[in-house]
């Protein structure tokens, strides 16, 4: 077997009252249980030797001098990792393959990686953390090792945290519900999916700032990778306005609140098309947030289920001022998320959001668990509860975005479509008169119209009217370049004051598509073409209209 990376644990700068010159030595070259167990015992003895003063002499100032030392931090993180995984489990892991042995050598030589992984693996809930009975499943290490081996970029920064999260919560371990894939994608493909989406700029900027625990609430999605990619495309096409302030969760309003007339068939396209009550709507809210790289989990309330997500813009509704929003339900006071009452969940999220405080508390916990003296362990715990929250030794994540991202396409010059000879092309926003519509910046440039479901007055009067110039009378075929996400959609088309024709708009699952052609007999000269829709129709995005003369 290859030799494990030698780990030096020097103590030159630490107070003599707390430290001795002894070193626990290098991690063993052998992966046998007695070798790993022996190293763990040396770590235990070395850490205990460093905290050799009486409990009364343990002050916060002295403790910070100890915890700031990188060699002490390395020994402490190694000890915590081995204790939570187990000597026998690590032995089996290392002996299983050369790749896993090399991965373990690398991990034990990287304190930041160990600490980030321990942060992600630590359960939320004060009682859970204080009971300290949680363990690390070796299956998480096996998944992480496969990603580590396959992709060298997974060894630092955001992609390191993403790999850790995928190991801890592989696809299919998130909230169960409507639309989930019949068979989860592989963990490696999930990692690659989000890495590729991030590299392509398809995820929201806040994704860059997330911790391992937060990334777990994304990569665990029960949706297929194909559905995740479709979800982003559908919102970017159909509702690009929801990109502002990362409010894609508001697309849940487009999931018709009813018993779906179609089966979901492991497809979120069908959840959106068919509709559903609180369960499917909650599933959609979580799914669409995760698709854009936003952490989200399910929420239980009396007689109801909904969702919560982490917003990079706390001042938006609902619950302005709070980063984690409970949506499509009542407030946090009647909620339960991730097994915790809503208010405790919020308290835990606030702690996780303050890295200095979180690592301050956890390093004290790690050390107290390693000490053989109950009195010293209790003294270390009591220090953690004091007000001082130092920042030394905490490697901060990138700061969060302060401004709403501008949707791609906003202010961008549009690439005009190629218009075949003899075709009359009308941009959707070039209307003469309209009501019940919104004008949005198109994701690809230019503008588009959107008619929301139940728009006030829709269907009771002409809603969008266009003045069209017909060079020569004859038969023309009208097509709309539109996007809808529901079944049985249609538009009424009328010329001047004539009787309306019905034009079906097939479900394009939120993507741009042309309607079937509608034949119209047009006279030469200027006339008015009007589009109306019944009030019960769902949201429709319109990009342009075209009239093609037939022979």
Protein backbone atom coordinates (compact mmCIF):
# COMPACT_ATOMS: atom_id res chain seq x y z
CA UNK A 1 0.00 0.00 0.00
CA UNK A 2 1.13 3.58 -0.60
CA UNK A 3 2.31 5.50 2.41
CA UNK A 4 -0.16 7.93 3.98
CA UNK A 5 0.74 11.60 3.96
CA UNK A 6 2.79 12.43 7.04
CA UNK A 7 1.00 14.97 9.22
CA UNK A 8 3.18 17.25 11.37
CA UNK A 9 1.55 18.59 14.48
CA UNK A 10 4.04 21.20 15.76
CA UNK A 11 3.41 23.28 18.88
CA UNK A 12 6.15 25.90 18.93
CA UNK A 13 3.98 28.97 19.48
CA UNK A 14 1.58 27.70 22.13
CA UNK A 15 1.62 28.53 25.87
CA UNK A 16 3.78 26.19 27.93
CA UNK A 17 1.06 25.90 30.56
CA UNK A 18 -1.20 24.31 28.00
CA UNK A 19 1.21 22.49 25.71
CA UNK A 20 4.05 20.01 25.80
CA UNK A 21 6.61 19.27 23.06
CA UNK A 22 5.24 15.80 22.31
CA UNK A 23 3.68 15.13 18.89
CA UNK A 24 1.10 12.49 18.02
CA UNK A 25 3.21 11.64 15.00
CA UNK A 26 2.31 10.88 11.42
CA UNK A 27 -0.78 9.10 10.25
CA UNK A 28 0.17 5.40 9.97
CA UNK A 29 1.51 3.95 6.72
CA UNK A 30 -0.60 0.84 7.31
CA UNK A 31 -4.37 0.92 6.94
CA UNK A 32 -4.84 -1.85 9.49
CA UNK A 33 -7.27 -1.17 12.30
CA UNK A 34 -4.59 -1.31 14.98
CA UNK A 35 -2.52 1.28 13.07
CA UNK A 36 -5.43 3.71 12.58
CA UNK A 37 -6.60 3.02 16.11
CA UNK A 38 -3.11 3.69 17.41
CA UNK A 39 -2.97 7.03 15.61
CA UNK A 40 -6.37 7.97 17.02
CA UNK A 41 -5.13 7.12 20.51
CA UNK A 42 -2.04 9.31 19.97
CA UNK A 43 -4.27 12.17 18.87
CA UNK A 44 -6.40 11.71 21.99
CA UNK A 45 -3.36 11.70 24.28
CA UNK A 46 -1.79 14.67 22.50
CA UNK A 47 -4.95 16.79 22.73
CA UNK A 48 -5.39 15.89 26.40
CA UNK A 49 -1.76 16.81 27.03
CA UNK A 50 -2.31 20.24 25.54
CA UNK A 51 -5.15 20.96 27.94
CA UNK A 52 -3.18 20.09 31.08
CA UNK A 53 -4.10 22.97 33.36
CA UNK A 54 -6.83 22.74 36.00
CA UNK A 55 -10.39 23.49 34.87
CA UNK A 56 -10.24 26.77 36.79
CA UNK A 57 -7.27 27.88 34.72
CA UNK A 58 -9.04 27.41 31.39
CA UNK A 59 -9.87 30.88 30.15
CA UNK A 60 -11.34 31.96 26.84
CA UNK A 61 -8.17 33.91 26.04
CA UNK A 62 -6.00 30.84 26.57
CA UNK A 63 -8.37 28.65 24.60
CA UNK A 64 -8.29 31.00 21.62
CA UNK A 65 -4.49 30.87 21.54
CA UNK A 66 -4.76 27.10 21.36
CA UNK A 67 -7.55 26.95 18.78
CA UNK A 68 -5.88 29.49 16.50
CA UNK A 69 -2.82 27.33 16.05
CA UNK A 70 -3.09 25.49 12.70
CA UNK A 71 -1.37 22.36 14.01
CA UNK A 72 -3.72 22.09 16.94
CA UNK A 73 -6.67 22.71 14.59
CA UNK A 74 -5.45 19.89 12.34
CA UNK A 75 -5.16 17.42 15.21
CA UNK A 76 -8.58 18.41 16.56
CA UNK A 77 -10.31 18.05 13.17
CA UNK A 78 -8.62 14.67 12.54
CA UNK A 79 -9.71 13.42 15.94
CA UNK A 80 -13.29 14.52 15.42
CA UNK A 81 -13.47 12.98 11.95
CA UNK A 82 -12.04 9.63 13.06
CA UNK A 83 -14.25 9.48 16.15
CA UNK A 84 -17.41 10.23 14.15
CA UNK A 85 -16.58 7.76 11.36
CA UNK A 86 -15.12 4.99 13.54
CA UNK A 87 -11.74 3.27 13.39
CA UNK A 88 -13.13 0.04 11.93
CA UNK A 89 -15.12 1.87 9.26
CA UNK A 90 -12.10 3.96 8.23
CA UNK A 91 -9.95 0.84 8.13
CA UNK A 92 -12.39 -0.91 5.79
CA UNK A 93 -12.69 2.22 3.70
CA UNK A 94 -8.93 2.63 3.27
CA UNK A 95 -8.31 -1.04 2.52
CA UNK A 96 -11.05 -1.25 -0.12
CA UNK A 97 -9.08 0.46 -2.91
CA UNK A 98 -6.00 2.48 -3.74
CA UNK A 99 -8.22 5.45 -4.70
CA UNK A 100 -9.89 5.48 -1.29
CA UNK A 101 -6.57 5.22 0.51
CA UNK A 102 -5.15 8.18 -1.44
CA UNK A 103 -8.34 10.15 -0.84
CA UNK A 104 -8.12 9.54 2.91
CA UNK A 105 -4.47 10.64 2.92
CA UNK A 106 -5.42 13.85 1.16
CA UNK A 107 -8.37 14.52 3.47
CA UNK A 108 -6.44 14.05 6.69
CA UNK A 109 -3.84 16.49 5.42
CA UNK A 110 -6.35 19.27 4.72
CA UNK A 111 -7.79 20.88 7.82
CA UNK A 112 -10.17 23.16 5.92
CA UNK A 113 -11.65 20.19 4.05
CA UNK A 114 -12.10 18.28 7.31
CA UNK A 115 -13.76 21.24 9.01
CA UNK A 116 -16.08 21.99 6.06
CA UNK A 117 -17.10 18.34 5.92
CA UNK A 118 -17.75 18.22 9.67
CA UNK A 119 -19.87 21.37 9.35
CA UNK A 120 -21.97 19.74 6.65
CA UNK A 121 -22.31 16.46 8.54
CA UNK A 122 -23.26 18.02 11.89
CA UNK A 123 -27.04 17.78 12.32
CA UNK A 124 -29.13 20.85 13.00
CA UNK A 125 -30.94 21.21 16.30
CA UNK A 126 -29.36 22.24 19.58
CA UNK A 127 -30.43 19.01 21.29
CA UNK A 128 -28.94 16.92 18.48
CA UNK A 129 -25.65 18.77 18.66
CA UNK A 130 -25.45 18.62 22.44
CA UNK A 131 -26.35 14.92 22.57
CA UNK A 132 -23.52 14.39 20.06
CA UNK A 133 -24.65 10.89 19.09
CA UNK A 134 -24.49 11.42 15.34
CA UNK A 135 -22.03 9.55 13.13
CA UNK A 136 -20.56 9.80 9.63
CA UNK A 137 -21.78 7.12 7.23
CA UNK A 138 -18.82 5.67 5.26
CA UNK A 139 -21.12 5.62 2.22
CA UNK A 140 -20.78 9.42 2.13
CA UNK A 141 -17.00 9.05 1.96
CA UNK A 142 -17.24 6.51 -0.85
CA UNK A 143 -19.38 8.87 -2.94
CA UNK A 144 -17.13 11.83 -2.18
CA UNK A 145 -14.06 9.73 -3.11
CA UNK A 146 -15.58 8.84 -6.51
CA UNK A 147 -16.13 12.53 -7.25
CA UNK A 148 -12.67 13.42 -5.92
CA UNK A 149 -11.07 10.83 -8.19
CA UNK A 150 -13.11 11.71 -11.27
CA UNK A 151 -12.75 15.50 -11.07
CA UNK A 152 -9.64 17.29 -9.74
CA UNK A 153 -11.63 20.55 -9.59
CA UNK A 154 -13.69 19.03 -6.78
CA UNK A 155 -10.76 19.45 -4.39
CA UNK A 156 -11.11 23.12 -3.50
CA UNK A 157 -13.58 25.97 -3.16
CA UNK A 158 -17.21 25.72 -4.15
CA UNK A 159 -16.81 22.43 -6.01
CA UNK A 160 -15.19 20.88 -2.93
CA UNK A 161 -18.23 21.86 -0.86
CA UNK A 162 -20.51 20.60 -3.64
CA UNK A 163 -18.74 17.22 -3.67
CA UNK A 164 -19.04 16.92 0.11
CA UNK A 165 -22.74 17.79 0.00
CA UNK A 166 -23.37 15.21 -2.74
CA UNK A 167 -21.69 12.55 -0.63
CA UNK A 168 -23.77 13.41 2.43
CA UNK A 169 -27.07 13.79 0.54
CA UNK A 170 -26.99 12.03 -2.84
CA UNK A 171 -29.89 12.41 -5.31
CA UNK A 172 -33.13 10.95 -4.05
CA UNK A 173 -32.50 11.61 -0.34
CA UNK A 174 -34.43 14.89 -0.29
CA UNK A 175 -38.11 15.53 0.26
CA UNK A 176 -40.33 12.78 -1.13
CA UNK A 177 -43.24 13.94 -3.24
CA UNK A 178 -44.88 14.47 -6.60
CA UNK A 179 -42.75 14.51 -9.74
CA UNK A 180 -39.70 12.77 -8.31
CA UNK A 181 -37.63 10.54 -10.57
CA UNK A 182 -38.42 6.82 -10.54
CA UNK A 183 -34.70 6.08 -10.25
CA UNK A 184 -32.36 8.74 -8.80
CA UNK A 185 -29.46 9.96 -10.91
CA UNK A 186 -26.00 8.84 -9.83
CA UNK A 187 -24.20 11.07 -7.30
CA UNK A 188 -21.37 11.77 -9.77
CA UNK A 189 -23.82 12.85 -12.47
CA UNK A 190 -25.61 15.10 -9.93
CA UNK A 191 -22.31 16.76 -9.01
CA UNK A 192 -21.47 17.20 -12.69
CA UNK A 193 -24.94 18.58 -13.41
CA UNK A 194 -24.65 21.41 -10.90
CA UNK A 195 -21.01 22.06 -11.70
CA UNK A 196 -21.83 22.39 -15.41
CA UNK A 197 -24.86 24.57 -14.68
CA UNK A 198 -22.74 26.79 -12.46
CA UNK A 199 -19.99 27.10 -15.07
CA UNK A 200 -22.62 28.04 -17.67
CA UNK A 201 -24.06 30.78 -15.43
CA UNK A 202 -27.39 28.94 -15.19
CA UNK A 203 -27.55 29.08 -11.37
CA UNK A 204 -28.23 32.14 -9.27
CA UNK A 205 -25.22 34.07 -7.85
CA UNK A 206 -26.10 33.11 -4.26
CA UNK A 207 -25.09 29.52 -5.07
CA UNK A 208 -21.43 30.58 -4.81
CA UNK A 209 -21.81 31.47 -1.12
CA UNK A 210 -23.51 28.35 0.23
CA UNK A 211 -22.16 26.12 2.98
CA UNK A 212 -21.97 22.33 2.75
CA UNK A 213 -25.16 21.92 4.80
CA UNK A 214 -27.01 24.35 2.53
CA UNK A 215 -25.74 22.65 -0.62
CA UNK A 216 -27.09 19.37 0.77
CA UNK A 217 -30.58 20.87 0.48
CA UNK A 218 -30.02 21.26 -3.29
CA UNK A 219 -28.13 18.21 -4.53
CA UNK A 220 -30.47 15.88 -2.63
CA UNK A 221 -33.33 16.83 -4.98
CA UNK A 222 -35.53 13.91 -5.97
CA UNK A 223 -36.00 15.43 -9.42
CA UNK A 224 -34.07 14.03 -12.35
CA UNK A 225 -31.19 16.02 -13.76
CA UNK A 226 -33.22 16.38 -16.96
CA UNK A 227 -36.13 17.91 -15.03
CA UNK A 228 -33.80 20.28 -13.17
CA UNK A 229 -32.44 21.55 -16.49
CA UNK A 230 -35.94 21.82 -17.93
CA UNK A 231 -37.17 23.76 -14.89
CA UNK A 232 -34.52 26.43 -15.43
CA UNK A 233 -35.29 26.63 -19.15
CA UNK A 234 -39.04 26.88 -18.52
CA UNK A 235 -38.76 29.74 -16.03
CA UNK A 236 -36.20 31.58 -18.17
CA UNK A 237 -38.55 31.32 -21.14
CA UNK A 238 -42.03 31.55 -19.66
CA UNK A 239 -41.52 33.70 -16.53
CA UNK A 240 -38.14 35.48 -16.77
CA UNK A 241 -39.47 38.15 -14.42
CA UNK A 242 -39.17 35.64 -11.55
CA UNK A 243 -35.40 35.73 -11.89
CA UNK A 244 -35.44 39.15 -10.22
CA UNK A 245 -34.50 38.77 -6.53
CA UNK A 246 -34.28 35.00 -7.19
CA UNK A 247 -38.05 34.66 -6.73
CA UNK A 248 -38.58 31.56 -8.84
CA UNK A 249 -40.45 30.02 -5.90
CA UNK A 250 -43.37 32.29 -6.86
CA UNK A 251 -43.95 30.09 -9.90
CA UNK A 252 -45.74 27.78 -7.43
CA UNK A 253 -48.77 30.02 -7.99
CA UNK A 254 -48.86 28.65 -11.54
CA UNK A 255 -49.45 25.10 -10.25
CA UNK A 256 -53.22 24.92 -10.53
CA UNK A 257 -54.71 24.16 -7.09
CA UNK A 258 -56.86 21.16 -7.98
CA UNK A 259 -56.81 17.38 -8.31
CA UNK A 260 -54.63 16.77 -11.34
CA UNK A 261 -56.48 15.29 -14.36
CA UNK A 262 -53.23 13.65 -15.51
CA UNK A 263 -50.75 11.35 -13.76
CA UNK A 264 -47.49 12.91 -12.66
CA UNK A 265 -45.45 9.99 -14.08
CA UNK A 266 -42.22 10.97 -12.32
CA UNK A 267 -42.17 14.30 -14.15
CA UNK A 268 -42.27 17.83 -12.81
CA UNK A 269 -43.54 18.93 -16.22
CA UNK A 270 -46.72 17.05 -15.37
CA UNK A 271 -46.89 18.56 -11.88
CA UNK A 272 -46.94 22.02 -13.45
CA UNK A 273 -49.31 20.97 -16.27
CA UNK A 274 -51.75 19.00 -14.14
CA UNK A 275 -51.76 20.98 -10.93
CA UNK A 276 -52.25 19.71 -7.41
CA UNK A 277 -53.07 20.63 -3.87
CA UNK A 278 -50.63 21.34 -1.06
CA UNK A 279 -48.42 18.25 -1.56
CA UNK A 280 -47.62 18.70 -5.27
CA UNK A 281 -47.37 22.48 -4.85
CA UNK A 282 -44.87 22.02 -2.03
CA UNK A 283 -42.91 19.57 -4.20
CA UNK A 284 -42.83 22.11 -7.02
CA UNK A 285 -41.67 24.96 -4.75
CA UNK A 286 -38.75 22.88 -3.47
CA UNK A 287 -37.89 21.56 -6.94
CA UNK A 288 -37.77 24.90 -8.74
CA UNK A 289 -35.63 26.50 -6.02
CA UNK A 290 -33.18 23.61 -6.13
CA UNK A 291 -33.05 23.79 -9.94
CA UNK A 292 -31.62 27.32 -9.70
CA UNK A 293 -29.25 26.47 -6.84
CA UNK A 294 -31.37 27.69 -3.91
CA UNK A 295 -31.56 25.53 -0.73
CA UNK A 296 -35.12 24.41 -0.01
CA UNK A 297 -36.86 21.86 2.23
CA UNK A 298 -40.40 20.80 3.01
CA UNK A 299 -42.46 22.30 5.83
CA UNK A 300 -45.24 20.60 7.78
CA UNK A 301 -48.12 22.55 9.30
CA UNK A 302 -51.37 21.36 10.89
CA UNK A 303 -53.36 19.81 8.02
CA UNK A 304 -51.02 21.29 5.42
CA UNK A 305 -47.59 21.00 3.79
CA UNK A 306 -45.60 23.81 2.16
CA UNK A 307 -41.95 24.77 1.78
CA UNK A 308 -39.11 26.96 2.96
CA UNK A 309 -36.17 28.28 0.98
CA UNK A 310 -33.12 30.42 1.69
CA UNK A 311 -33.40 33.84 0.09
CA UNK A 312 -30.38 35.96 -0.78
CA UNK A 313 -32.74 38.93 -0.44
CA UNK A 314 -34.23 38.79 3.08
CA UNK A 315 -36.31 41.95 2.62
CA UNK A 316 -38.63 40.36 0.04
CA UNK A 317 -42.01 38.97 1.09
CA UNK A 318 -42.97 36.92 2.99
CA UNK A 319 -41.40 37.41 6.43
CA UNK A 320 -39.27 40.42 5.43
CA UNK A 321 -36.00 40.48 7.32
CA UNK A 322 -35.65 36.69 7.50
CA UNK A 323 -33.36 34.75 5.17
CA UNK A 324 -35.37 31.51 5.30
CA UNK A 325 -38.92 32.08 4.04
CA UNK A 326 -41.85 29.77 4.68
CA UNK A 327 -43.97 30.02 1.53
CA UNK A 328 -47.50 28.96 0.53
CA UNK A 329 -48.50 28.34 4.10
CA UNK A 330 -48.82 30.03 7.47
CA UNK A 331 -45.89 31.45 9.44
CA UNK A 332 -43.02 29.83 11.30
CA UNK A 333 -44.98 29.67 14.56
CA UNK A 334 -47.05 26.71 13.22
CA UNK A 335 -44.33 25.13 11.08
CA UNK A 336 -41.95 22.20 11.38
CA UNK A 337 -38.92 21.84 9.08
CA UNK A 338 -36.12 19.26 9.05
CA UNK A 339 -37.61 17.70 12.17
CA UNK A 340 -37.50 20.96 14.16
CA UNK A 341 -40.26 23.35 15.27
CA UNK A 342 -40.25 26.39 13.00
CA UNK A 343 -38.80 28.87 15.48
CA UNK A 344 -36.00 26.46 16.44
CA UNK A 345 -35.30 25.85 12.75
CA UNK A 346 -34.94 29.61 12.25
CA UNK A 347 -32.61 29.83 15.25
CA UNK A 348 -30.46 27.04 13.82
CA UNK A 349 -30.34 28.70 10.41
CA UNK A 350 -29.20 31.93 12.05
CA UNK A 351 -26.41 30.02 13.82
CA UNK A 352 -25.35 28.30 10.59
CA UNK A 353 -25.37 31.65 8.85
CA UNK A 354 -22.81 33.01 11.34
CA UNK A 355 -19.67 31.01 10.58
CA UNK A 356 -17.62 32.58 13.35
CA UNK A 357 -20.15 31.64 15.99
CA UNK A 358 -20.85 28.17 14.58
CA UNK A 359 -17.20 27.12 14.42
CA UNK A 360 -16.52 28.73 17.79
CA UNK A 361 -19.18 26.52 19.38
CA UNK A 362 -18.32 23.37 17.46
CA UNK A 363 -14.54 23.46 18.04
CA UNK A 364 -15.20 23.69 21.74
CA UNK A 365 -17.58 20.74 21.41
CA UNK A 366 -15.00 18.72 19.46
CA UNK A 367 -12.36 19.37 22.09
CA UNK A 368 -14.57 18.64 25.07
CA UNK A 369 -15.52 15.29 23.46
CA UNK A 370 -11.82 14.41 23.11
CA UNK A 371 -10.91 15.13 26.74
CA UNK A 372 -10.79 12.29 29.24
CA UNK A 373 -11.29 14.60 32.23
CA UNK A 374 -15.02 15.28 32.76
CA UNK A 375 -14.13 18.45 34.68
CA UNK A 376 -12.00 19.85 31.85
CA UNK A 377 -14.61 18.84 29.28
CA UNK A 378 -17.31 20.68 31.25
CA UNK A 379 -15.08 23.73 31.55
CA UNK A 380 -14.50 23.79 27.78
CA UNK A 381 -18.26 23.57 27.14
CA UNK A 382 -18.94 26.44 29.52
CA UNK A 383 -16.43 28.61 27.66
CA UNK A 384 -18.32 28.02 24.40
CA UNK A 385 -21.46 29.58 25.83
CA UNK A 386 -19.83 32.91 26.62
CA UNK A 387 -20.34 36.01 24.57
CA UNK A 388 -16.93 36.30 22.87
CA UNK A 389 -17.11 34.99 19.30
CA UNK A 390 -13.61 35.29 17.78
CA UNK A 391 -13.10 34.94 14.02
CA UNK A 392 -9.54 33.66 13.89
CA UNK A 393 -9.18 30.39 12.05
CA UNK A 394 -12.54 30.61 10.28
CA UNK A 395 -12.10 30.64 6.51
CA UNK A 396 -15.01 32.79 5.30
CA UNK A 397 -17.10 31.97 2.29
CA UNK A 398 -17.57 34.52 -0.47
CA UNK A 399 -19.85 37.42 0.48
CA UNK A 400 -23.43 37.27 -0.67
CA UNK A 401 -24.63 39.30 -3.61
CA UNK A 402 -25.93 42.70 -2.52
CA UNK A 403 -27.95 43.55 -5.63
CA UNK A 404 -30.55 41.66 -7.56
CA UNK A 405 -29.01 39.96 -10.60
CA UNK A 406 -30.10 41.48 -13.88
CA UNK A 407 -31.84 38.82 -15.97
CA UNK A 408 -29.69 37.93 -18.98
CA UNK A 409 -31.11 39.66 -22.02
CA UNK A 410 -32.09 42.83 -20.15
CA UNK A 411 -30.80 45.73 -22.16
CA UNK A 412 -29.14 43.36 -24.62
CA UNK A 413 -29.47 43.89 -28.35
CA UNK A 414 -31.80 41.35 -29.82
CA UNK A 415 -30.81 39.02 -32.60
CA UNK A 416 -33.76 39.51 -34.93
CA UNK A 417 -35.38 36.31 -36.23
CA UNK A 418 -34.94 35.41 -39.88
CA UNK A 419 -38.19 36.33 -41.56
CA UNK A 420 -38.93 34.36 -44.72
CA UNK A 421 -40.06 36.25 -47.77
CA UNK A 422 -43.79 36.90 -47.78
CA UNK A 423 -44.15 36.59 -43.99
CA UNK A 424 -45.54 39.45 -41.89
CA UNK A 425 -43.70 39.45 -38.55
CA UNK A 426 -45.19 41.29 -35.54
CA UNK A 427 -43.29 41.61 -32.27
CA UNK A 428 -45.58 40.89 -29.30
CA UNK A 429 -44.88 44.24 -27.64
CA UNK A 430 -45.84 46.21 -30.78
CA UNK A 431 -49.51 46.22 -29.83
CA UNK A 432 -51.93 49.07 -30.40
CA UNK A 433 -53.89 48.45 -27.22
CA UNK A 434 -53.68 45.91 -24.39
CA UNK A 435 -54.98 45.11 -20.92
CA UNK A 436 -54.31 42.29 -18.46
CA UNK A 437 -50.75 41.76 -19.66
CA UNK A 438 -47.21 42.47 -18.46
CA UNK A 439 -44.17 43.25 -20.57
CA UNK A 440 -41.04 41.31 -19.61
CA UNK A 441 -37.47 41.35 -20.78
CA UNK A 442 -36.91 38.20 -22.81
CA UNK A 443 -34.13 35.97 -21.49
CA UNK A 444 -32.50 35.91 -24.92
CA UNK A 445 -32.93 39.61 -25.65
CA UNK A 446 -35.83 41.78 -26.69
CA UNK A 447 -39.22 41.74 -24.99
CA UNK A 448 -42.18 39.46 -24.51
CA UNK A 449 -45.71 39.69 -23.16
CA UNK A 450 -47.21 37.68 -20.36
CA UNK A 451 -50.88 37.19 -19.59
CA UNK A 452 -51.24 35.90 -16.06
CA UNK A 453 -53.90 33.44 -15.05
CA UNK A 454 -57.05 35.16 -13.86
CA UNK A 455 -55.84 38.56 -15.12
CA UNK A 456 -58.49 41.18 -14.17
CA UNK A 457 -61.14 41.50 -16.85
CA UNK A 458 -59.47 39.01 -19.19
CA UNK A 459 -61.95 37.56 -21.66
CA UNK A 460 -64.58 40.27 -21.10
CA UNK A 461 -63.09 42.68 -23.64
CA UNK A 462 -60.34 42.73 -26.29
CA UNK A 463 -57.07 42.29 -24.47
CA UNK A 464 -54.34 42.66 -27.09
CA UNK A 465 -54.95 44.45 -30.37
CA UNK A 466 -52.51 44.83 -33.26
CA UNK A 467 -52.75 47.09 -36.28
CA UNK A 468 -51.57 45.04 -39.26
CA UNK A 469 -50.78 46.22 -42.78
CA UNK A 470 -51.74 43.62 -45.39
CA UNK A 471 -50.06 44.31 -48.76
CA UNK A 472 -52.40 42.06 -50.73
CA UNK A 473 -55.68 40.42 -49.89
CA UNK A 474 -55.90 36.63 -49.67
CA UNK A 475 -55.63 33.65 -47.33
CA UNK A 476 -53.00 33.87 -44.58
CA UNK A 477 -51.89 31.45 -41.89
CA UNK A 478 -51.49 32.98 -38.43
CA UNK A 479 -49.08 31.42 -35.91
CA UNK A 480 -48.16 32.61 -32.42
CA UNK A 481 -44.69 32.02 -30.98
CA UNK A 482 -45.81 31.35 -27.42
CA UNK A 483 -45.06 29.43 -24.22
CA UNK A 484 -47.61 27.85 -21.90
CA UNK A 485 -47.31 25.22 -19.20
CA UNK A 486 -50.83 23.81 -19.04
CA UNK A 487 -53.07 21.65 -21.19
CA UNK A 488 -56.11 22.74 -23.22
CA UNK A 489 -55.02 26.33 -23.74
CA UNK A 490 -56.36 28.47 -26.57
CA UNK A 491 -56.69 32.04 -27.80
CA UNK A 492 -59.63 33.71 -29.54
CA UNK A 493 -58.59 35.61 -32.68
CA UNK A 494 -60.80 38.27 -34.25
CA UNK A 495 -60.38 40.61 -37.22
CA UNK A 496 -61.83 44.08 -36.79
CA UNK A 497 -65.37 43.51 -35.47
CA UNK A 498 -65.73 40.00 -36.88
CA UNK A 499 -66.57 36.78 -35.05
CA UNK A 500 -63.64 35.22 -33.19
CA UNK A 501 -61.81 32.08 -34.27
CA UNK A 502 -60.38 29.64 -31.73
CA UNK A 503 -56.63 28.98 -31.96
CA UNK A 504 -55.32 26.14 -29.75
CA UNK A 505 -52.04 26.69 -27.94
CA UNK A 506 -50.50 23.26 -27.25
CA UNK A 507 -48.70 22.73 -23.97
CA UNK A 508 -45.07 23.59 -24.63
CA UNK A 509 -44.09 22.93 -20.99
CA UNK A 510 -42.97 26.53 -20.59
CA UNK A 511 -40.73 26.57 -23.68
CA UNK A 512 -41.15 28.55 -26.90
CA UNK A 513 -43.23 26.83 -29.54
CA UNK A 514 -45.36 27.78 -32.55
CA UNK A 515 -49.09 27.25 -32.46
CA UNK A 516 -50.77 25.33 -35.28
CA UNK A 517 -51.53 27.70 -38.19
CA UNK A 518 -54.94 29.38 -38.21
CA UNK A 519 -56.25 30.26 -41.67
CA UNK A 520 -57.62 33.79 -41.98
CA UNK A 521 -59.09 35.59 -44.98
CA UNK A 522 -57.57 39.08 -44.97
CA UNK A 523 -58.28 42.08 -47.13
CA UNK A 524 -55.54 44.44 -48.26
CA UNK A 525 -54.84 47.50 -46.16
CA UNK A 526 -54.76 48.17 -42.42
CA UNK A 527 -56.98 46.20 -40.07
CA UNK A 528 -57.11 45.22 -36.41
CA UNK A 529 -56.22 41.74 -35.17
CA UNK A 530 -57.36 41.09 -31.59
CA UNK A 531 -56.43 38.27 -29.20
CA UNK A 532 -58.62 37.38 -26.21
CA UNK A 533 -58.58 34.47 -23.77
CA UNK A 534 -61.21 33.06 -21.38
CA UNK A 535 -60.74 33.94 -17.72
CA UNK A 536 -60.05 30.34 -16.66
CA UNK A 537 -57.00 30.00 -18.92
CA UNK A 538 -53.58 29.78 -17.30
CA UNK A 539 -50.56 32.02 -17.95
CA UNK A 540 -49.38 32.56 -21.53
CA UNK A 541 -46.12 34.16 -22.71
CA UNK A 542 -46.13 35.62 -26.21
CA UNK A 543 -42.98 36.40 -28.18
CA UNK A 544 -44.26 37.30 -31.65
CA UNK A 545 -46.97 36.68 -34.28
CA UNK A 546 -46.47 35.75 -37.93
CA UNK A 547 -48.78 35.80 -40.94
CA UNK A 548 -47.81 33.77 -43.97
CA UNK A 549 -49.73 34.10 -47.22
CA UNK A 550 -50.75 30.80 -48.80
CA UNK A 551 -50.77 30.25 -52.57
